[in-house]
C-alpha atoms as a PDB file:
ATOM      1  CA  MET A   1      50.965  -7.582  75.987  1.00  0.00           C
ATOM      2  CA  LEU A   2      47.935  -6.775  73.878  1.00  0.00           C
ATOM      3  CA  ASP A   3      45.606  -4.177  75.346  1.00  0.00           C
ATOM      4  CA  ALA A   4      42.078  -5.374  76.165  1.00  0.00           C
ATOM      5  CA  GLN A   5      40.564  -2.361  74.404  1.00  0.00           C
ATOM      6  CA  PRO A   6      41.530  -1.149  70.950  1.00  0.00           C
ATOM      7  CA  TYR A   7      43.864   1.778  70.801  1.00  0.00           C
ATOM      8  CA  PHE A   8      41.582   3.035  68.067  1.00  0.00           C
ATOM      9  CA  PRO A   9      38.256   1.380  67.221  1.00  0.00           C
ATOM     10  CA  GLY A  10      37.996   0.523  63.548  1.00  0.00           C
ATOM     11  CA  ARG A  11      40.723   1.109  60.991  1.00  0.00           C
ATOM     12  CA  ALA A  12      42.214   4.346  59.706  1.00  0.00           C
ATOM     13  CA  PRO A  13      44.823   5.167  57.063  1.00  0.00           C
ATOM     14  CA  ILE A  14      48.410   5.338  58.274  1.00  0.00           C
ATOM     15  CA  ASP A  15      49.615   8.893  57.755  1.00  0.00           C
ATOM     16  CA  ALA A  16      53.253   8.296  58.729  1.00  0.00           C
ATOM     17  CA  TYR A  17      55.595   5.681  60.139  1.00  0.00           C
ATOM     18  CA  GLY A  18      59.077   5.841  61.600  1.00  0.00           C
ATOM     19  CA  ASN A  19      60.702   7.262  64.714  1.00  0.00           C
ATOM     20  CA  GLY A  20      59.598   4.118  66.520  1.00  0.00           C
ATOM     21  CA  GLY A  21      55.883   4.452  65.801  1.00  0.00           C
ATOM     22  CA  PHE A  22      52.969   5.422  63.585  1.00  0.00           C
ATOM     23  CA  ARG A  23      50.594   8.338  62.973  1.00  0.00           C
ATOM     24  CA  PHE A  24      46.954   7.651  62.104  1.00  0.00           C
ATOM     25  CA  ALA A  25      43.574   9.267  62.794  1.00  0.00           C
ATOM     26  CA  ASP A  26      45.263  12.497  63.987  1.00  0.00           C
ATOM     27  CA  MET A  27      47.038  10.493  66.708  1.00  0.00           C
ATOM     28  CA  SER A  28      50.553   9.279  67.303  1.00  0.00           C
ATOM     29  CA  HIS A  29      51.412   5.825  68.639  1.00  0.00           C
ATOM     30  CA  ARG A  30      54.880   4.785  69.751  1.00  0.00           C
ATOM     31  CA  GLY A  31      55.538   1.080  69.174  1.00  0.00           C
ATOM     32  CA  SER A  32      54.254  -1.672  66.920  1.00  0.00           C
ATOM     33  CA  LEU A  33      50.641  -2.237  65.861  1.00  0.00           C
ATOM     34  CA  LEU A  34      48.157  -5.030  65.235  1.00  0.00           C
ATOM     35  CA  ILE A  35      45.316  -3.934  62.973  1.00  0.00           C
ATOM     36  CA  VAL A  36      42.164  -6.018  62.587  1.00  0.00           C
ATOM     37  CA  PRO A  37      38.598  -5.128  61.584  1.00  0.00           C
ATOM     38  CA  SER A  38      37.677  -4.298  65.206  1.00  0.00           C
ATOM     39  CA  GLY A  39      40.480  -1.814  65.700  1.00  0.00           C
ATOM     40  CA  VAL A  40      44.103  -0.826  65.994  1.00  0.00           C
ATOM     41  CA  TYR A  41      45.890  -2.414  68.942  1.00  0.00           C
ATOM     42  CA  ALA A  42      49.276  -1.862  70.553  1.00  0.00           C
ATOM     43  CA  TRP A  43      51.606  -4.823  69.906  1.00  0.00           C
ATOM     44  CA  ASP A  44      54.490  -5.565  72.253  1.00  0.00           C
ATOM     45  CA  VAL A  45      56.853  -6.780  69.501  1.00  0.00           C
ATOM     46  CA  ALA A  46      59.758  -4.328  69.325  1.00  0.00           C
ATOM     47  CA  ASP A  47      61.688  -5.991  66.498  1.00  0.00           C
ATOM     48  CA  PHE A  48      61.736  -9.051  64.283  1.00  0.00           C
ATOM     49  CA  ASP A  49      63.995 -10.951  66.685  1.00  0.00           C
ATOM     50  CA  ALA A  50      61.293 -10.653  69.363  1.00  0.00           C
ATOM     51  CA  LEU A  51      58.823 -12.159  66.905  1.00  0.00           C
ATOM     52  CA  ILE A  52      61.182 -15.054  66.226  1.00  0.00           C
ATOM     53  CA  ALA A  53      61.446 -15.649  69.984  1.00  0.00           C
ATOM     54  CA  ASN A  54      57.646 -15.983  70.317  1.00  0.00           C
ATOM     55  CA  PRO A  55      56.160 -16.874  66.899  1.00  0.00           C
ATOM     56  CA  ARG A  56      52.909 -18.129  68.453  1.00  0.00           C
ATOM     57  CA  ALA A  57      52.344 -15.047  70.606  1.00  0.00           C
ATOM     58  CA  PRO A  58      48.843 -14.894  72.114  1.00  0.00           C
ATOM     59  CA  SER A  59      48.342 -11.516  70.442  1.00  0.00           C
ATOM     60  CA  LEU A  60      48.346 -13.243  67.033  1.00  0.00           C
ATOM     61  CA  ALA A  61      45.195 -15.132  68.028  1.00  0.00           C
ATOM     62  CA  ARG A  62      43.281 -11.897  67.416  1.00  0.00           C
ATOM     63  CA  PHE A  63      43.832 -12.404  63.676  1.00  0.00           C
ATOM     64  CA  LEU A  64      42.570 -15.962  63.852  1.00  0.00           C
ATOM     65  CA  ASP A  65      39.501 -14.837  65.815  1.00  0.00           C
ATOM     66  CA  GLU A  66      38.539 -11.938  63.539  1.00  0.00           C
ATOM     67  CA  LEU A  67      39.634 -12.963  60.050  1.00  0.00           C
ATOM     68  CA  LYS A  68      37.973 -15.772  58.143  1.00  0.00           C
ATOM     69  CA  PRO A  69      39.264 -17.236  54.882  1.00  0.00           C
ATOM     70  CA  PRO A  70      39.789 -15.905  52.371  1.00  0.00           C
ATOM     71  CA  ALA A  71      41.747 -13.226  54.176  1.00  0.00           C
ATOM     72  CA  PHE A  72      45.363 -12.310  54.718  1.00  0.00           C
ATOM     73  CA  VAL A  73      47.651 -10.480  57.109  1.00  0.00           C
ATOM     74  CA  LEU A  74      50.313  -7.996  56.063  1.00  0.00           C
ATOM     75  CA  LEU A  75      53.374  -8.579  58.230  1.00  0.00           C
ATOM     76  CA  GLY A  76      55.614  -5.516  58.437  1.00  0.00           C
ATOM     77  CA  THR A  77      58.952  -7.052  59.418  1.00  0.00           C
ATOM     78  CA  GLY A  78      60.902  -3.886  60.213  1.00  0.00           C
ATOM     79  CA  ILE A  79      63.468  -2.069  58.071  1.00  0.00           C
ATOM     80  CA  GLU A  80      63.992  -5.016  55.740  1.00  0.00           C
ATOM     81  CA  HIS A  81      61.897  -7.837  54.351  1.00  0.00           C
ATOM     82  CA  ARG A  82      62.262 -11.031  56.382  1.00  0.00           C
ATOM     83  CA  MET A  83      60.399 -14.305  56.282  1.00  0.00           C
ATOM     84  CA  PRO A  84      58.198 -15.160  59.276  1.00  0.00           C
ATOM     85  CA  PRO A  85      59.243 -17.983  61.578  1.00  0.00           C
ATOM     86  CA  LYS A  86      57.937 -21.362  60.389  1.00  0.00           C
ATOM     87  CA  PRO A  87      55.695 -21.912  63.470  1.00  0.00           C
ATOM     88  CA  MET A  88      54.014 -18.557  62.786  1.00  0.00           C
ATOM     89  CA  ALA A  89      53.580 -19.270  59.076  1.00  0.00           C
ATOM     90  CA  ASP A  90      52.188 -22.712  59.911  1.00  0.00           C
ATOM     91  CA  LEU A  91      49.701 -21.208  62.389  1.00  0.00           C
ATOM     92  CA  PHE A  92      48.242 -18.915  59.730  1.00  0.00           C
ATOM     93  CA  MET A  93      48.365 -21.556  57.010  1.00  0.00           C
ATOM     94  CA  ALA A  94      46.384 -23.984  59.199  1.00  0.00           C
ATOM     95  CA  ALA A  95      43.719 -21.278  59.654  1.00  0.00           C
ATOM     96  CA  GLY A  96      43.534 -20.642  55.910  1.00  0.00           C
ATOM     97  CA  ILE A  97      44.821 -17.089  56.295  1.00  0.00           C
ATOM     98  CA  ALA A  98      47.660 -15.936  54.042  1.00  0.00           C
ATOM     99  CA  LEU A  99      50.617 -14.217  55.667  1.00  0.00           C
ATOM    100  CA  GLU A 100      52.287 -11.585  53.453  1.00  0.00           C
ATOM    101  CA  PRO A 101      55.659 -10.460  54.875  1.00  0.00           C
ATOM    102  CA  MET A 102      57.323  -7.272  53.680  1.00  0.00           C
ATOM    103  CA  ALA A 103      59.337  -4.398  55.123  1.00  0.00           C
ATOM    104  CA  THR A 104      57.212  -2.210  57.402  1.00  0.00           C
ATOM    105  CA  GLY A 105      57.308   0.767  55.023  1.00  0.00           C
ATOM    106  CA  ALA A 106      55.964  -1.339  52.161  1.00  0.00           C
ATOM    107  CA  ALA A 107      53.382  -2.912  54.474  1.00  0.00           C
ATOM    108  CA  ALA A 108      52.139   0.508  55.651  1.00  0.00           C
ATOM    109  CA  ARG A 109      51.752   1.729  52.069  1.00  0.00           C
ATOM    110  CA  THR A 110      50.042  -1.511  50.996  1.00  0.00           C
ATOM    111  CA  TYR A 111      47.761  -1.293  54.040  1.00  0.00           C
ATOM    112  CA  ASN A 112      46.518   2.134  52.914  1.00  0.00           C
ATOM    113  CA  VAL A 113      45.769   0.903  49.387  1.00  0.00           C
ATOM    114  CA  LEU A 114      43.913  -2.180  50.626  1.00  0.00           C
ATOM    115  CA  LEU A 115      41.988  -0.132  53.184  1.00  0.00           C
ATOM    116  CA  ALA A 116      40.856   2.263  50.443  1.00  0.00           C
ATOM    117  CA  GLU A 117      39.698  -0.762  48.410  1.00  0.00           C
ATOM    118  CA  GLY A 118      37.613  -2.028  51.341  1.00  0.00           C
ATOM    119  CA  ARG A 119      39.450  -5.366  51.479  1.00  0.00           C
ATOM    120  CA  THR A 120      39.203  -7.824  54.397  1.00  0.00           C
ATOM    121  CA  PHE A 121      42.667  -8.174  55.901  1.00  0.00           C
ATOM    122  CA  GLY A 122      44.772  -7.544  58.959  1.00  0.00           C
ATOM    123  CA  ALA A 123      48.192  -6.065  59.556  1.00  0.00           C
ATOM    124  CA  ALA A 124      50.968  -6.685  62.070  1.00  0.00           C
ATOM    125  CA  LEU A 125      53.428  -3.801  61.768  1.00  0.00           C
ATOM    126  CA  ILE A 126      56.742  -3.720  63.597  1.00  0.00           C
ATOM    127  CA  ALA A 127      57.706  -0.110  64.311  1.00  0.00           C
ATOM    128  CA  VAL A 128      60.879   1.240  62.698  1.00  0.00           C
ATOM    129  CA  ASP A 129      63.163   4.125  63.595  1.00  0.00           C
END
C-alpha cells in the first residue's frame, strides 16, 4: 500500500542501497521506493514477481498523475535487469511516459546522476539484499 504522505517530501540523492532498503537524506528506509517530484514514498513491492502479479498497481498511478510527457520512470527491477510486464509497459506508453528498466543498483546510480542534472523523471526501485 502506498502511504498517503510522502516518506520524504521532495527528492534526495540515494546514498546507499542494499540490505533490503535504501539510505537517503540521512535516513534509512527498509523496503522498496517510489520517487516522484512530490516526494519519496514507500512501495509495497518486495520483488519483481510481486510486480508481475500486479502490473497495474494503484501506486503506479502516482507517476501518471505527477509526470507529464516528455518524462520517464527508472524501474529498478531488483538484482538483475528484467523487462516490465506488458500491461505495465502499455500503461506508461499510453500516457507518453517512457519506462526504463534496469537492475536496482544501476537505477539508483542513474537516479543520482539525473537528479543532479535537474531532470524531470520518476523512479520505482525494488529493494535488494
